[in-house]
Amino acid sequence: MVEVLIAIAGTLAGLAFLLALARFVRGPSRVDRVVAFDVLTVIAITFIVLVALVENRGIYLDAALVYALLSFLGVIAIARYLEGRF
């Protein structure tokens, strides 16, 4: 049962990744692209967590946490640059 739920979550995350990637490529403004990039990183973190569940490896959760922190800092830096305060 758990394997089915993980497979469904992976499928939905893959679909969300494709939609966010389309927004990243076709975004009419730079702000849309930054938001899409943030969504892509959140979905990538979701994939890392799902792999950690499937492989039963806790070290992947640490990697996901570090990736989330770096992603947050990167989005903040890009937002400040676009705002003109950087």
N, C-alpha and C. Protein backbone atom coordinates (compact mmCIF):
# COMPACT_ATOMS: atom_id res chain seq x y z
N MET A 1 0.82 -1.19 0.00
CA MET A 1 0.00 0.00 0.00
C MET A 1 0.86 1.26 0.00
N VAL A 2 1.92 1.23 0.81
CA VAL A 2 2.80 2.39 0.89
C VAL A 2 3.52 2.61 -0.44
N GLU A 3 3.91 1.51 -1.09
CA GLU A 3 4.59 1.63 -2.38
C GLU A 3 3.70 2.27 -3.43
N VAL A 4 2.42 1.97 -3.38
CA VAL A 4 1.47 2.56 -4.33
C VAL A 4 1.35 4.06 -4.08
N LEU A 5 1.27 4.44 -2.82
CA LEU A 5 1.17 5.87 -2.50
C LEU A 5 2.44 6.63 -2.90
N ILE A 6 3.59 6.01 -2.71
CA ILE A 6 4.84 6.65 -3.13
C ILE A 6 4.89 6.78 -4.64
N ALA A 7 4.41 5.76 -5.35
CA ALA A 7 4.38 5.83 -6.81
C ALA A 7 3.42 6.93 -7.29
N ILE A 8 2.28 7.06 -6.65
CA ILE A 8 1.33 8.12 -7.01
C ILE A 8 1.94 9.49 -6.72
N ALA A 9 2.61 9.62 -5.58
CA ALA A 9 3.26 10.90 -5.23
C ALA A 9 4.35 11.23 -6.23
N GLY A 10 5.12 10.23 -6.65
CA GLY A 10 6.15 10.46 -7.65
C GLY A 10 5.59 10.88 -8.99
N THR A 11 4.48 10.27 -9.38
CA THR A 11 3.84 10.63 -10.64
C THR A 11 3.31 12.05 -10.60
N LEU A 12 2.64 12.41 -9.52
CA LEU A 12 2.12 13.77 -9.38
C LEU A 12 3.25 14.80 -9.32
N ALA A 13 4.34 14.45 -8.63
CA ALA A 13 5.48 15.35 -8.57
C ALA A 13 6.12 15.51 -9.95
N GLY A 14 6.16 14.43 -10.72
CA GLY A 14 6.69 14.52 -12.09
C GLY A 14 5.84 15.40 -12.98
N LEU A 15 4.54 15.28 -12.84
CA LEU A 15 3.63 16.15 -13.61
C LEU A 15 3.79 17.61 -13.19
N ALA A 16 3.90 17.84 -11.90
CA ALA A 16 4.12 19.21 -11.41
C ALA A 16 5.45 19.76 -11.90
N PHE A 17 6.46 18.90 -11.96
CA PHE A 17 7.77 19.33 -12.46
C PHE A 17 7.68 19.77 -13.91
N LEU A 18 6.96 19.02 -14.72
CA LEU A 18 6.80 19.40 -16.13
C LEU A 18 6.06 20.72 -16.28
N LEU A 19 5.01 20.91 -15.49
CA LEU A 19 4.27 22.17 -15.56
C LEU A 19 5.12 23.35 -15.10
N ALA A 20 5.88 23.16 -14.03
CA ALA A 20 6.75 24.25 -13.56
C ALA A 20 7.87 24.52 -14.54
N LEU A 21 8.37 23.49 -15.18
CA LEU A 21 9.41 23.67 -16.20
C LEU A 21 8.87 24.45 -17.39
N ALA A 22 7.64 24.18 -17.77
CA ALA A 22 7.01 24.95 -18.85
C ALA A 22 6.87 26.42 -18.46
N ARG A 23 6.51 26.69 -17.22
CA ARG A 23 6.41 28.08 -16.75
C ARG A 23 7.79 28.73 -16.72
N PHE A 24 8.80 27.96 -16.35
CA PHE A 24 10.16 28.49 -16.31
C PHE A 24 10.64 28.87 -17.70
N VAL A 25 10.33 28.06 -18.68
CA VAL A 25 10.78 28.32 -20.06
C VAL A 25 9.95 29.43 -20.70
N ARG A 26 8.64 29.40 -20.50
CA ARG A 26 7.74 30.32 -21.19
C ARG A 26 7.37 31.55 -20.37
N GLY A 27 7.88 31.66 -19.16
CA GLY A 27 7.48 32.76 -18.28
C GLY A 27 7.64 34.11 -18.94
N PRO A 28 6.60 34.92 -18.90
CA PRO A 28 6.70 36.21 -19.59
C PRO A 28 7.63 37.20 -18.90
N SER A 29 7.88 37.03 -17.60
CA SER A 29 8.75 37.98 -16.92
C SER A 29 9.80 37.23 -16.11
N ARG A 30 10.77 37.99 -15.63
CA ARG A 30 11.82 37.39 -14.83
C ARG A 30 11.29 36.90 -13.49
N VAL A 31 10.31 37.60 -12.96
CA VAL A 31 9.73 37.19 -11.67
C VAL A 31 9.03 35.85 -11.81
N ASP A 32 8.33 35.64 -12.92
CA ASP A 32 7.69 34.34 -13.17
C ASP A 32 8.72 33.23 -13.22
N ARG A 33 9.86 33.51 -13.82
CA ARG A 33 10.91 32.51 -13.91
C ARG A 33 11.52 32.20 -12.54
N VAL A 34 11.66 33.21 -11.71
CA VAL A 34 12.19 32.99 -10.36
C VAL A 34 11.23 32.14 -9.54
N VAL A 35 9.95 32.45 -9.62
CA VAL A 35 8.96 31.66 -8.89
C VAL A 35 8.93 30.22 -9.41
N ALA A 36 9.01 30.05 -10.73
CA ALA A 36 9.03 28.71 -11.31
C ALA A 36 10.29 27.96 -10.87
N PHE A 37 11.42 28.66 -10.79
CA PHE A 37 12.65 28.03 -10.32
C PHE A 37 12.51 27.57 -8.87
N ASP A 38 11.87 28.38 -8.05
CA ASP A 38 11.63 28.00 -6.66
C ASP A 38 10.74 26.76 -6.59
N VAL A 39 9.71 26.73 -7.41
CA VAL A 39 8.82 25.56 -7.44
C VAL A 39 9.58 24.32 -7.91
N LEU A 40 10.46 24.49 -8.90
CA LEU A 40 11.25 23.36 -9.38
C LEU A 40 12.16 22.80 -8.28
N THR A 41 12.74 23.69 -7.49
CA THR A 41 13.59 23.19 -6.41
C THR A 41 12.79 22.49 -5.33
N VAL A 42 11.60 22.98 -5.04
CA VAL A 42 10.75 22.30 -4.06
C VAL A 42 10.35 20.91 -4.57
N ILE A 43 10.07 20.81 -5.84
CA ILE A 43 9.71 19.51 -6.41
C ILE A 43 10.92 18.58 -6.42
N ALA A 44 12.10 19.12 -6.69
CA ALA A 44 13.31 18.30 -6.63
C ALA A 44 13.55 17.78 -5.22
N ILE A 45 13.27 18.60 -4.22
CA ILE A 45 13.39 18.17 -2.83
C ILE A 45 12.38 17.06 -2.55
N THR A 46 11.20 17.19 -3.12
CA THR A 46 10.19 16.13 -2.99
C THR A 46 10.69 14.81 -3.56
N PHE A 47 11.34 14.88 -4.72
CA PHE A 47 11.91 13.67 -5.32
C PHE A 47 12.99 13.05 -4.42
N ILE A 48 13.82 13.90 -3.83
CA ILE A 48 14.86 13.39 -2.95
C ILE A 48 14.25 12.69 -1.74
N VAL A 49 13.19 13.28 -1.18
CA VAL A 49 12.53 12.67 -0.02
C VAL A 49 11.86 11.35 -0.42
N LEU A 50 11.25 11.31 -1.60
CA LEU A 50 10.63 10.05 -2.06
C LEU A 50 11.67 8.96 -2.27
N VAL A 51 12.81 9.33 -2.81
CA VAL A 51 13.89 8.34 -2.98
C VAL A 51 14.38 7.87 -1.62
N ALA A 52 14.47 8.77 -0.65
CA ALA A 52 14.87 8.38 0.70
C ALA A 52 13.88 7.38 1.29
N LEU A 53 12.60 7.58 1.01
CA LEU A 53 11.59 6.63 1.51
C LEU A 53 11.70 5.28 0.82
N VAL A 54 11.90 5.30 -0.48
CA VAL A 54 11.98 4.04 -1.23
C VAL A 54 13.24 3.26 -0.85
N GLU A 55 14.36 3.95 -0.77
CA GLU A 55 15.64 3.30 -0.47
C GLU A 55 15.87 3.07 1.02
N ASN A 56 15.01 3.68 1.85
CA ASN A 56 15.12 3.56 3.31
C ASN A 56 16.48 4.07 3.80
N ARG A 57 16.88 5.24 3.27
CA ARG A 57 18.17 5.85 3.61
C ARG A 57 17.93 7.24 4.19
N GLY A 58 18.30 7.43 5.43
CA GLY A 58 18.08 8.70 6.09
C GLY A 58 19.04 9.79 5.65
N ILE A 59 20.18 9.41 5.10
CA ILE A 59 21.17 10.41 4.68
C ILE A 59 20.63 11.28 3.55
N TYR A 60 19.71 10.75 2.76
CA TYR A 60 19.11 11.53 1.68
C TYR A 60 18.26 12.67 2.23
N LEU A 61 17.70 12.46 3.41
CA LEU A 61 16.92 13.53 4.03
C LEU A 61 17.81 14.70 4.44
N ASP A 62 19.02 14.38 4.88
CA ASP A 62 19.98 15.44 5.20
C ASP A 62 20.34 16.23 3.94
N ALA A 63 20.54 15.51 2.85
CA ALA A 63 20.85 16.17 1.58
C ALA A 63 19.68 17.05 1.13
N ALA A 64 18.47 16.57 1.32
CA ALA A 64 17.29 17.36 0.95
C ALA A 64 17.19 18.62 1.80
N LEU A 65 17.52 18.52 3.07
CA LEU A 65 17.48 19.68 3.95
C LEU A 65 18.52 20.73 3.53
N VAL A 66 19.72 20.29 3.22
CA VAL A 66 20.77 21.22 2.76
C VAL A 66 20.36 21.87 1.44
N TYR A 67 19.81 21.08 0.54
CA TYR A 67 19.37 21.61 -0.75
C TYR A 67 18.25 22.63 -0.56
N ALA A 68 17.36 22.39 0.40
CA ALA A 68 16.27 23.33 0.66
C ALA A 68 16.82 24.65 1.21
N LEU A 69 17.79 24.58 2.09
CA LEU A 69 18.37 25.80 2.63
C LEU A 69 19.10 26.60 1.56
N LEU A 70 19.87 25.91 0.72
CA LEU A 70 20.58 26.60 -0.36
C LEU A 70 19.60 27.18 -1.38
N SER A 71 18.53 26.47 -1.64
CA SER A 71 17.52 26.97 -2.57
C SER A 71 16.86 28.23 -2.03
N PHE A 72 16.54 28.22 -0.75
CA PHE A 72 15.94 29.40 -0.12
C PHE A 72 16.87 30.60 -0.22
N LEU A 73 18.13 30.40 0.10
CA LEU A 73 19.08 31.50 0.03
C LEU A 73 19.26 32.00 -1.40
N GLY A 74 19.26 31.08 -2.35
CA GLY A 74 19.40 31.48 -3.75
C GLY A 74 18.22 32.30 -4.24
N VAL A 75 17.03 31.90 -3.88
CA VAL A 75 15.84 32.64 -4.30
C VAL A 75 15.80 34.02 -3.65
N ILE A 76 16.21 34.11 -2.40
CA ILE A 76 16.27 35.41 -1.73
C ILE A 76 17.28 36.31 -2.42
N ALA A 77 18.43 35.77 -2.78
CA ALA A 77 19.46 36.57 -3.46
C ALA A 77 18.97 37.05 -4.82
N ILE A 78 18.31 36.18 -5.56
CA ILE A 78 17.80 36.58 -6.89
C ILE A 78 16.69 37.62 -6.74
N ALA A 79 15.83 37.44 -5.75
CA ALA A 79 14.75 38.41 -5.53
C ALA A 79 15.31 39.78 -5.16
N ARG A 80 16.33 39.81 -4.34
CA ARG A 80 16.94 41.09 -3.99
C ARG A 80 17.62 41.72 -5.19
N TYR A 81 18.23 40.90 -6.04
CA TYR A 81 18.86 41.43 -7.25
C TYR A 81 17.81 42.03 -8.18
N LEU A 82 16.70 41.33 -8.36
CA LEU A 82 15.66 41.84 -9.24
C LEU A 82 15.00 43.10 -8.66
N GLU A 83 14.99 43.19 -7.35
CA GLU A 83 14.42 44.37 -6.72
C GLU A 83 15.36 45.56 -6.82
N GLY A 84 16.62 45.30 -7.03
CA GLY A 84 17.60 46.37 -7.20
C GLY A 84 18.31 46.76 -5.94
N ARG A 85 18.20 45.95 -4.89
CA ARG A 85 18.85 46.26 -3.61
C ARG A 85 20.10 45.44 -3.38
N PHE A 86 20.63 44.81 -4.41
CA PHE A 86 21.77 43.92 -4.23
C PHE A 86 23.01 44.51 -4.81
